[in-house]
Amino acid sequence: MTEDTEIFRHTISVLVDNEFGVLARVVGLFSGRGYNIESLTVARVDETENLSRITIVTTGTAMVIEQIKAQLGRLVPVHKIADLTIDGPSVEREMALVKVVSKGEKRVEALRMADIFRARAVDTTEDSFVFEVTGVPDKVKAFIGLMEPLGKAEVCRTGVVAVHRGTDVI
C-alpha cells in the first residue's frame, strides 16, 4: 500500500460555537461526503465564550483527512481545528460501562479481570455487575471482549476524548 492509499486513524478536535444545529452541520459534512465517524464526543467546555469541543475519530487516506480538516474549517461556527494524531503527543481516553450477568465461577472471573484492567464495579446485585473501565480505546475494547464469555449483557461507551500533552492547547 502506498501513502496515497493507506488508511490512517485520526483524532480531530474541533472548537465550535455552542449553538443549535452546529453538531448536525459537522456530522452532515461527514455523511454527505461518505466519510465514516468511528467515535464522536461533544460537550460545552467554555460557558463564558459559549464554546463546545467536538472530538471526532475518523479514518481515511492522508488526502481524505486533509479534505475533512479543510471542510471543517469552512464551517462558520468552527473556531479551531486540531489533528491530535499529527500535531504532537496527545492523551486519549474512553470510558465504558459494561454490564455482566453471571453466577458462580464466571462471576468470580469477571471480578478478577476487572481488577487486572483496573475497572471499578459501580453497581452490583446477586446476579450482575456494572463495571466502569477507562483507558485507551484498545484497552476498553479488550476488556469488553474478555467479558463476552463471562456474561456480558450490555455495553455503553462514551467515545474518545483527547487533549494535547504538555502546554499545547487547541
N, C-alpha and C. Protein backbone atom coordinates (compact mmCIF):
# COMPACT_ATOMS: atom_id res chain seq x y z
N MET A 1 0.84 -1.19 0.00
CA MET A 1 0.00 0.00 0.00
C MET A 1 0.88 1.24 0.00
N THR A 2 0.55 2.20 -0.82
CA THR A 2 1.30 3.45 -0.83
C THR A 2 0.67 4.43 0.14
N GLU A 3 1.38 5.51 0.40
CA GLU A 3 0.85 6.52 1.33
C GLU A 3 -0.44 7.14 0.80
N ASP A 4 -0.60 7.15 -0.54
CA ASP A 4 -1.80 7.72 -1.14
C ASP A 4 -3.04 6.87 -0.88
N THR A 5 -2.84 5.57 -0.66
CA THR A 5 -4.00 4.68 -0.49
C THR A 5 -4.07 4.09 0.92
N GLU A 6 -3.04 4.29 1.74
CA GLU A 6 -3.05 3.74 3.09
C GLU A 6 -4.06 4.48 3.95
N ILE A 7 -4.85 3.72 4.71
CA ILE A 7 -5.89 4.28 5.58
C ILE A 7 -5.29 4.51 6.97
N PHE A 8 -5.49 5.72 7.48
CA PHE A 8 -4.99 6.09 8.79
C PHE A 8 -6.16 6.45 9.71
N ARG A 9 -5.97 6.23 11.01
CA ARG A 9 -6.95 6.64 12.02
C ARG A 9 -6.49 7.99 12.57
N HIS A 10 -7.40 8.96 12.61
CA HIS A 10 -7.06 10.29 13.13
C HIS A 10 -8.07 10.73 14.17
N THR A 11 -7.56 11.41 15.20
CA THR A 11 -8.40 12.03 16.22
C THR A 11 -8.34 13.53 15.98
N ILE A 12 -9.50 14.10 15.67
CA ILE A 12 -9.59 15.52 15.33
C ILE A 12 -10.44 16.21 16.38
N SER A 13 -9.92 17.31 16.93
CA SER A 13 -10.64 18.10 17.92
C SER A 13 -11.07 19.40 17.26
N VAL A 14 -12.32 19.78 17.49
CA VAL A 14 -12.87 20.98 16.85
C VAL A 14 -13.54 21.84 17.92
N LEU A 15 -13.15 23.10 18.00
CA LEU A 15 -13.75 24.06 18.93
C LEU A 15 -14.80 24.84 18.15
N VAL A 16 -16.06 24.78 18.62
CA VAL A 16 -17.17 25.38 17.88
C VAL A 16 -18.05 26.21 18.82
N ASP A 17 -18.87 27.08 18.22
CA ASP A 17 -19.90 27.77 19.00
C ASP A 17 -20.89 26.74 19.52
N ASN A 18 -21.30 26.90 20.75
CA ASN A 18 -22.29 26.00 21.35
C ASN A 18 -23.67 26.55 21.02
N GLU A 19 -24.14 26.20 19.83
CA GLU A 19 -25.45 26.69 19.40
C GLU A 19 -26.18 25.61 18.62
N PHE A 20 -27.46 25.81 18.50
CA PHE A 20 -28.34 24.86 17.82
C PHE A 20 -27.86 24.59 16.39
N GLY A 21 -27.79 23.31 16.03
CA GLY A 21 -27.51 22.92 14.66
C GLY A 21 -26.05 22.73 14.30
N VAL A 22 -25.12 23.14 15.17
CA VAL A 22 -23.70 23.04 14.84
C VAL A 22 -23.27 21.58 14.70
N LEU A 23 -23.65 20.76 15.66
CA LEU A 23 -23.28 19.34 15.60
C LEU A 23 -23.86 18.70 14.34
N ALA A 24 -25.09 19.03 14.01
CA ALA A 24 -25.72 18.47 12.80
C ALA A 24 -24.94 18.87 11.55
N ARG A 25 -24.44 20.08 11.50
CA ARG A 25 -23.65 20.51 10.34
C ARG A 25 -22.33 19.77 10.25
N VAL A 26 -21.68 19.57 11.39
CA VAL A 26 -20.41 18.85 11.40
C VAL A 26 -20.63 17.40 10.97
N VAL A 27 -21.62 16.74 11.55
CA VAL A 27 -21.92 15.35 11.19
C VAL A 27 -22.37 15.27 9.73
N GLY A 28 -23.15 16.25 9.29
CA GLY A 28 -23.61 16.28 7.90
C GLY A 28 -22.46 16.39 6.92
N LEU A 29 -21.42 17.09 7.30
CA LEU A 29 -20.23 17.19 6.45
C LEU A 29 -19.66 15.80 6.21
N PHE A 30 -19.61 14.98 7.24
CA PHE A 30 -19.07 13.62 7.12
C PHE A 30 -20.01 12.73 6.30
N SER A 31 -21.28 12.71 6.66
CA SER A 31 -22.20 11.80 5.98
C SER A 31 -22.43 12.21 4.52
N GLY A 32 -22.44 13.50 4.25
CA GLY A 32 -22.67 13.97 2.89
C GLY A 32 -21.54 13.62 1.94
N ARG A 33 -20.37 13.36 2.46
CA ARG A 33 -19.23 13.03 1.62
C ARG A 33 -18.80 11.57 1.77
N GLY A 34 -19.55 10.80 2.53
CA GLY A 34 -19.27 9.38 2.68
C GLY A 34 -18.12 9.06 3.62
N TYR A 35 -17.76 10.01 4.50
CA TYR A 35 -16.70 9.77 5.48
C TYR A 35 -17.31 9.09 6.69
N ASN A 36 -16.58 8.17 7.29
CA ASN A 36 -17.08 7.46 8.46
C ASN A 36 -16.58 8.12 9.74
N ILE A 37 -17.44 8.15 10.75
CA ILE A 37 -17.06 8.59 12.09
C ILE A 37 -17.02 7.34 12.97
N GLU A 38 -15.84 7.04 13.51
CA GLU A 38 -15.71 5.89 14.41
C GLU A 38 -16.12 6.24 15.83
N SER A 39 -15.88 7.49 16.23
CA SER A 39 -16.21 7.93 17.57
C SER A 39 -16.50 9.43 17.51
N LEU A 40 -17.47 9.86 18.32
CA LEU A 40 -17.87 11.26 18.35
C LEU A 40 -18.26 11.63 19.77
N THR A 41 -17.60 12.64 20.32
CA THR A 41 -17.99 13.16 21.63
C THR A 41 -18.11 14.67 21.51
N VAL A 42 -19.01 15.24 22.28
CA VAL A 42 -19.19 16.68 22.26
C VAL A 42 -19.70 17.15 23.61
N ALA A 43 -19.18 18.28 24.06
CA ALA A 43 -19.64 18.87 25.32
C ALA A 43 -19.22 20.34 25.36
N ARG A 44 -19.99 21.12 26.11
CA ARG A 44 -19.62 22.52 26.33
C ARG A 44 -18.36 22.55 27.18
N VAL A 45 -17.39 23.37 26.76
CA VAL A 45 -16.13 23.47 27.50
C VAL A 45 -15.84 24.87 28.01
N ASP A 46 -16.58 25.87 27.54
CA ASP A 46 -16.35 27.25 27.96
C ASP A 46 -17.69 27.97 28.00
N GLU A 47 -18.20 28.17 29.22
CA GLU A 47 -19.50 28.83 29.36
C GLU A 47 -19.42 30.31 29.05
N THR A 48 -18.31 30.97 29.37
CA THR A 48 -18.16 32.40 29.12
C THR A 48 -18.19 32.70 27.62
N GLU A 49 -17.42 31.94 26.86
CA GLU A 49 -17.36 32.14 25.40
C GLU A 49 -18.43 31.33 24.67
N ASN A 50 -19.17 30.48 25.40
CA ASN A 50 -20.21 29.62 24.84
C ASN A 50 -19.64 28.71 23.74
N LEU A 51 -18.59 27.96 24.10
CA LEU A 51 -17.92 27.09 23.15
C LEU A 51 -18.08 25.63 23.55
N SER A 52 -18.16 24.78 22.55
CA SER A 52 -18.16 23.33 22.75
C SER A 52 -16.97 22.73 22.03
N ARG A 53 -16.55 21.58 22.52
CA ARG A 53 -15.45 20.85 21.88
C ARG A 53 -16.01 19.55 21.33
N ILE A 54 -15.76 19.31 20.06
CA ILE A 54 -16.16 18.08 19.40
C ILE A 54 -14.89 17.28 19.14
N THR A 55 -14.87 16.04 19.57
CA THR A 55 -13.74 15.15 19.29
C THR A 55 -14.26 14.06 18.36
N ILE A 56 -13.61 13.96 17.20
CA ILE A 56 -14.03 13.02 16.17
C ILE A 56 -12.87 12.07 15.87
N VAL A 57 -13.16 10.78 15.88
CA VAL A 57 -12.19 9.80 15.41
C VAL A 57 -12.70 9.30 14.08
N THR A 58 -11.86 9.41 13.06
CA THR A 58 -12.24 9.01 11.71
C THR A 58 -11.07 8.31 11.05
N THR A 59 -11.32 7.71 9.91
CA THR A 59 -10.26 7.06 9.16
C THR A 59 -10.30 7.54 7.72
N GLY A 60 -9.13 7.50 7.08
CA GLY A 60 -9.06 7.86 5.68
C GLY A 60 -7.63 7.98 5.22
N THR A 61 -7.45 8.16 3.93
CA THR A 61 -6.12 8.40 3.40
C THR A 61 -5.67 9.78 3.87
N ALA A 62 -4.39 10.07 3.72
CA ALA A 62 -3.87 11.37 4.11
C ALA A 62 -4.63 12.49 3.39
N MET A 63 -4.95 12.27 2.12
CA MET A 63 -5.68 13.28 1.35
C MET A 63 -7.10 13.48 1.89
N VAL A 64 -7.77 12.40 2.24
CA VAL A 64 -9.13 12.50 2.78
C VAL A 64 -9.11 13.24 4.11
N ILE A 65 -8.15 12.93 4.98
CA ILE A 65 -8.06 13.60 6.28
C ILE A 65 -7.84 15.11 6.07
N GLU A 66 -6.98 15.48 5.13
CA GLU A 66 -6.76 16.90 4.84
C GLU A 66 -8.04 17.56 4.31
N GLN A 67 -8.79 16.85 3.49
CA GLN A 67 -10.07 17.37 2.98
C GLN A 67 -11.05 17.59 4.13
N ILE A 68 -11.12 16.64 5.03
CA ILE A 68 -12.02 16.76 6.19
C ILE A 68 -11.68 18.01 6.98
N LYS A 69 -10.40 18.20 7.29
CA LYS A 69 -9.99 19.36 8.09
C LYS A 69 -10.27 20.66 7.35
N ALA A 70 -10.03 20.69 6.05
CA ALA A 70 -10.29 21.90 5.27
C ALA A 70 -11.78 22.22 5.25
N GLN A 71 -12.61 21.21 5.06
CA GLN A 71 -14.06 21.43 5.02
C GLN A 71 -14.61 21.82 6.38
N LEU A 72 -14.06 21.24 7.46
CA LEU A 72 -14.46 21.65 8.81
C LEU A 72 -14.12 23.12 9.02
N GLY A 73 -12.96 23.55 8.55
CA GLY A 73 -12.52 24.93 8.71
C GLY A 73 -13.40 25.93 8.00
N ARG A 74 -14.13 25.49 6.99
CA ARG A 74 -15.02 26.39 6.26
C ARG A 74 -16.39 26.55 6.92
N LEU A 75 -16.70 25.71 7.90
CA LEU A 75 -17.98 25.86 8.60
C LEU A 75 -17.92 27.11 9.47
N VAL A 76 -18.95 27.91 9.43
CA VAL A 76 -18.97 29.20 10.11
C VAL A 76 -18.74 29.11 11.62
N PRO A 77 -19.39 28.22 12.36
CA PRO A 77 -19.21 28.25 13.82
C PRO A 77 -17.93 27.59 14.32
N VAL A 78 -17.03 27.15 13.42
CA VAL A 78 -15.79 26.49 13.83
C VAL A 78 -14.73 27.53 14.13
N HIS A 79 -14.14 27.46 15.35
CA HIS A 79 -13.10 28.40 15.76
C HIS A 79 -11.70 27.84 15.54
N LYS A 80 -11.50 26.57 15.93
CA LYS A 80 -10.17 25.96 15.83
C LYS A 80 -10.32 24.48 15.51
N ILE A 81 -9.32 23.95 14.82
CA ILE A 81 -9.26 22.52 14.49
C ILE A 81 -7.87 22.03 14.85
N ALA A 82 -7.80 20.89 15.51
CA ALA A 82 -6.50 20.27 15.82
C ALA A 82 -6.57 18.80 15.45
N ASP A 83 -5.61 18.36 14.67
CA ASP A 83 -5.46 16.94 14.36
C ASP A 83 -4.49 16.38 15.39
N LEU A 84 -5.03 15.83 16.45
CA LEU A 84 -4.20 15.37 17.56
C LEU A 84 -3.29 14.21 17.18
N THR A 85 -3.59 13.56 16.07
CA THR A 85 -2.76 12.45 15.61
C THR A 85 -1.42 12.94 15.08
N ILE A 86 -1.40 14.11 14.45
CA ILE A 86 -0.16 14.59 13.83
C ILE A 86 0.41 15.84 14.48
N ASP A 87 -0.36 16.51 15.33
CA ASP A 87 0.09 17.76 15.93
C ASP A 87 1.09 17.58 17.07
N GLY A 88 1.40 16.36 17.43
CA GLY A 88 2.31 16.10 18.53
C GLY A 88 1.68 15.16 19.52
N PRO A 89 2.35 14.92 20.63
CA PRO A 89 1.82 13.95 21.59
C PRO A 89 0.48 14.38 22.18
N SER A 90 -0.38 13.40 22.38
CA SER A 90 -1.68 13.68 22.97
C SER A 90 -2.08 12.53 23.89
N VAL A 91 -3.10 12.78 24.68
CA VAL A 91 -3.65 11.78 25.58
C VAL A 91 -5.07 11.48 25.12
N GLU A 92 -5.37 10.21 24.90
CA GLU A 92 -6.71 9.77 24.52
C GLU A 92 -7.26 8.85 25.60
N ARG A 93 -8.54 9.01 25.90
CA ARG A 93 -9.21 8.12 26.84
C ARG A 93 -10.64 7.89 26.38
N GLU A 94 -11.15 6.74 26.80
CA GLU A 94 -12.55 6.38 26.57
C GLU A 94 -13.04 5.70 27.84
N MET A 95 -14.32 5.80 28.09
CA MET A 95 -14.91 5.14 29.25
C MET A 95 -16.06 4.28 28.76
N ALA A 96 -16.23 3.12 29.39
CA ALA A 96 -17.35 2.25 29.07
C ALA A 96 -17.97 1.72 30.36
N LEU A 97 -19.27 1.54 30.32
CA LEU A 97 -19.98 0.82 31.36
C LEU A 97 -20.33 -0.54 30.76
N VAL A 98 -19.93 -1.60 31.44
CA VAL A 98 -20.12 -2.95 30.93
C VAL A 98 -20.92 -3.75 31.96
N LYS A 99 -22.11 -4.18 31.56
CA LYS A 99 -22.95 -4.99 32.45
C LYS A 99 -22.67 -6.46 32.18
N VAL A 100 -22.37 -7.18 33.26
CA VAL A 100 -22.09 -8.61 33.18
C VAL A 100 -23.09 -9.33 34.09
N VAL A 101 -23.81 -10.28 33.51
CA VAL A 101 -24.78 -11.08 34.26
C VAL A 101 -24.23 -12.50 34.35
N SER A 102 -23.90 -12.91 35.58
CA SER A 102 -23.33 -14.25 35.75
C SER A 102 -23.40 -14.68 37.20
N LYS A 103 -23.13 -15.98 37.40
CA LYS A 103 -23.10 -16.56 38.75
C LYS A 103 -21.89 -17.46 38.86
N GLY A 104 -21.56 -17.80 40.08
CA GLY A 104 -20.53 -18.78 40.34
C GLY A 104 -19.15 -18.35 39.88
N GLU A 105 -18.42 -19.30 39.25
CA GLU A 105 -17.04 -19.07 38.85
C GLU A 105 -16.91 -17.97 37.81
N LYS A 106 -17.89 -17.85 36.92
CA LYS A 106 -17.84 -16.77 35.92
C LYS A 106 -17.91 -15.40 36.59
N ARG A 107 -18.68 -15.30 37.64
CA ARG A 107 -18.79 -14.05 38.39
C ARG A 107 -17.44 -13.71 39.04
N VAL A 108 -16.81 -14.70 39.64
CA VAL A 108 -15.50 -14.51 40.27
C VAL A 108 -14.46 -14.12 39.22
N GLU A 109 -14.49 -14.79 38.07
CA GLU A 109 -13.53 -14.49 37.00
C GLU A 109 -13.75 -13.07 36.46
N ALA A 110 -15.00 -12.63 36.36
CA ALA A 110 -15.29 -11.25 35.91
C ALA A 110 -14.66 -10.25 36.87
N LEU A 111 -14.76 -10.51 38.16
CA LEU A 111 -14.13 -9.63 39.16
C LEU A 111 -12.61 -9.63 39.03
N ARG A 112 -12.02 -10.80 38.77
CA ARG A 112 -10.57 -10.89 38.58
C ARG A 112 -10.12 -10.06 37.38
N MET A 113 -10.83 -10.22 36.28
CA MET A 113 -10.50 -9.47 35.06
C MET A 113 -10.66 -7.96 35.30
N ALA A 114 -11.71 -7.59 35.98
CA ALA A 114 -11.93 -6.17 36.28
C ALA A 114 -10.76 -5.61 37.09
N ASP A 115 -10.28 -6.38 38.04
CA ASP A 115 -9.15 -5.94 38.86
C ASP A 115 -7.90 -5.75 38.00
N ILE A 116 -7.63 -6.67 37.10
CA ILE A 116 -6.47 -6.58 36.22
C ILE A 116 -6.54 -5.33 35.35
N PHE A 117 -7.75 -5.02 34.86
CA PHE A 117 -7.94 -3.86 33.98
C PHE A 117 -8.20 -2.57 34.75
N ARG A 118 -8.17 -2.65 36.08
CA ARG A 118 -8.47 -1.50 36.93
C ARG A 118 -9.86 -0.93 36.68
N ALA A 119 -10.79 -1.82 36.33
CA ALA A 119 -12.19 -1.43 36.17
C ALA A 119 -12.83 -1.43 37.56
N ARG A 120 -13.77 -0.54 37.74
CA ARG A 120 -14.46 -0.45 39.03
C ARG A 120 -15.87 -1.01 38.91
N ALA A 121 -16.30 -1.75 39.91
CA ALA A 121 -17.70 -2.19 39.97
C ALA A 121 -18.50 -1.01 40.52
N VAL A 122 -19.34 -0.41 39.67
CA VAL A 122 -20.11 0.76 40.10
C VAL A 122 -21.53 0.38 40.49
N ASP A 123 -21.91 -0.87 40.19
CA ASP A 123 -23.22 -1.38 40.61
C ASP A 123 -23.10 -2.89 40.72
N THR A 124 -23.77 -3.45 41.70
CA THR A 124 -23.72 -4.90 41.86
C THR A 124 -25.04 -5.40 42.43
N THR A 125 -25.45 -6.57 41.95
CA THR A 125 -26.58 -7.30 42.52
C THR A 125 -26.10 -8.73 42.70
N GLU A 126 -26.99 -9.61 43.15
CA GLU A 126 -26.60 -11.02 43.31
C GLU A 126 -26.23 -11.66 41.98
N ASP A 127 -26.80 -11.15 40.89
CA ASP A 127 -26.61 -11.79 39.60
C ASP A 127 -25.86 -10.93 38.57
N SER A 128 -25.47 -9.71 38.94
CA SER A 128 -24.86 -8.84 37.92
C SER A 128 -23.89 -7.84 38.52
N PHE A 129 -23.04 -7.34 37.63
CA PHE A 129 -22.15 -6.23 37.92
C PHE A 129 -22.29 -5.22 36.79
N VAL A 130 -22.06 -3.96 37.11
CA VAL A 130 -21.80 -2.96 36.09
C VAL A 130 -20.39 -2.45 36.39
N PHE A 131 -19.50 -2.66 35.42
CA PHE A 131 -18.12 -2.22 35.56
C PHE A 131 -17.91 -0.93 34.78
N GLU A 132 -17.11 -0.06 35.36
CA GLU A 132 -16.66 1.16 34.67
C GLU A 132 -15.19 0.96 34.33
N VAL A 133 -14.87 1.00 33.04
CA VAL A 133 -13.48 0.83 32.61
C VAL A 133 -13.10 2.06 31.80
N THR A 134 -11.92 2.60 32.10
CA THR A 134 -11.42 3.80 31.44
C THR A 134 -10.01 3.53 30.94
N GLY A 135 -9.72 4.03 29.75
CA GLY A 135 -8.37 3.89 29.22
C GLY A 135 -8.34 4.19 27.74
N VAL A 136 -7.24 3.81 27.11
CA VAL A 136 -7.15 3.98 25.66
C VAL A 136 -8.18 3.05 25.02
N PRO A 137 -8.66 3.40 23.83
CA PRO A 137 -9.72 2.59 23.21
C PRO A 137 -9.39 1.10 23.09
N ASP A 138 -8.13 0.74 22.83
CA ASP A 138 -7.78 -0.68 22.73
C ASP A 138 -7.95 -1.40 24.06
N LYS A 139 -7.65 -0.73 25.17
CA LYS A 139 -7.84 -1.33 26.49
C LYS A 139 -9.33 -1.58 26.75
N VAL A 140 -10.15 -0.59 26.43
CA VAL A 140 -11.60 -0.71 26.64
C VAL A 140 -12.14 -1.85 25.79
N LYS A 141 -11.71 -1.91 24.54
CA LYS A 141 -12.16 -2.97 23.63
C LYS A 141 -11.74 -4.34 24.14
N ALA A 142 -10.50 -4.46 24.63
CA ALA A 142 -10.01 -5.74 25.16
C ALA A 142 -10.83 -6.17 26.37
N PHE A 143 -11.14 -5.25 27.27
CA PHE A 143 -11.93 -5.59 28.46
C PHE A 143 -13.31 -6.08 28.05
N ILE A 144 -13.93 -5.39 27.12
CA ILE A 144 -15.27 -5.79 26.65
C ILE A 144 -15.21 -7.19 26.05
N GLY A 145 -14.17 -7.45 25.27
CA GLY A 145 -14.03 -8.78 24.66
C GLY A 145 -13.86 -9.88 25.70
N LEU A 146 -13.12 -9.61 26.75
CA LEU A 146 -12.92 -10.61 27.79
C LEU A 146 -14.19 -10.86 28.61
N MET A 147 -15.09 -9.88 28.66
CA MET A 147 -16.33 -10.04 29.41
C MET A 147 -17.37 -10.85 28.63
N GLU A 148 -17.17 -10.98 27.32
CA GLU A 148 -18.12 -11.70 26.46
C GLU A 148 -18.44 -13.10 26.99
N PRO A 149 -17.43 -13.96 27.19
CA PRO A 149 -17.76 -15.32 27.67
C PRO A 149 -18.14 -15.37 29.16
N LEU A 150 -17.99 -14.25 29.85
CA LEU A 150 -18.29 -14.23 31.28
C LEU A 150 -19.68 -13.68 31.57
N GLY A 151 -20.46 -13.43 30.52
CA GLY A 151 -21.84 -12.98 30.71
C GLY A 151 -22.11 -11.55 30.34
N LYS A 152 -21.28 -10.98 29.46
CA LYS A 152 -21.52 -9.60 29.02
C LYS A 152 -22.96 -9.48 28.50
N ALA A 153 -23.71 -8.53 29.06
CA ALA A 153 -25.10 -8.36 28.68
C ALA A 153 -25.35 -7.03 27.98
N GLU A 154 -24.55 -6.01 28.32
CA GLU A 154 -24.81 -4.67 27.77
C GLU A 154 -23.54 -3.84 27.87
N VAL A 155 -23.36 -2.96 26.88
CA VAL A 155 -22.19 -2.08 26.86
C VAL A 155 -22.64 -0.68 26.46
N CYS A 156 -22.10 0.31 27.15
CA CYS A 156 -22.32 1.71 26.79
C CYS A 156 -20.96 2.39 26.81
N ARG A 157 -20.55 2.95 25.64
CA ARG A 157 -19.22 3.59 25.53
C ARG A 157 -19.38 5.08 25.30
N THR A 158 -18.44 5.85 25.87
CA THR A 158 -18.51 7.31 25.73
C THR A 158 -18.00 7.79 24.39
N GLY A 159 -17.09 7.08 23.80
CA GLY A 159 -16.35 7.61 22.66
C GLY A 159 -15.07 8.24 23.18
N VAL A 160 -14.17 8.55 22.26
CA VAL A 160 -12.85 9.04 22.61
C VAL A 160 -12.89 10.52 22.98
N VAL A 161 -12.19 10.88 24.04
CA VAL A 161 -11.87 12.27 24.35
C VAL A 161 -10.35 12.36 24.31
N ALA A 162 -9.84 13.50 23.87
CA ALA A 162 -8.39 13.62 23.71
C ALA A 162 -7.97 15.07 23.91
N VAL A 163 -6.70 15.24 24.31
CA VAL A 163 -6.13 16.55 24.53
C VAL A 163 -4.63 16.48 24.25
N HIS A 164 -4.06 17.59 23.80
CA HIS A 164 -2.61 17.66 23.61
C HIS A 164 -1.90 17.44 24.93
N ARG A 165 -0.72 16.83 24.89
CA ARG A 165 0.12 16.75 26.08
C ARG A 165 0.89 18.04 26.22
N GLY A 166 1.36 18.33 27.41
CA GLY A 166 2.20 19.50 27.63
C GLY A 166 1.40 20.79 27.61
N THR A 167 2.03 21.86 27.12
CA THR A 167 1.42 23.19 27.18
C THR A 167 0.59 23.54 25.95
N ASP A 168 0.62 22.71 24.91
CA ASP A 168 -0.18 22.99 23.70
C ASP A 168 -1.67 22.90 24.01
N VAL A 169 -2.44 23.83 23.46
CA VAL A 169 -3.90 23.82 23.61
C VAL A 169 -4.52 24.02 22.23
N ILE A 170 -5.77 23.66 22.13
CA ILE A 170 -6.49 23.86 20.87
C ILE A 170 -6.94 25.31 20.79
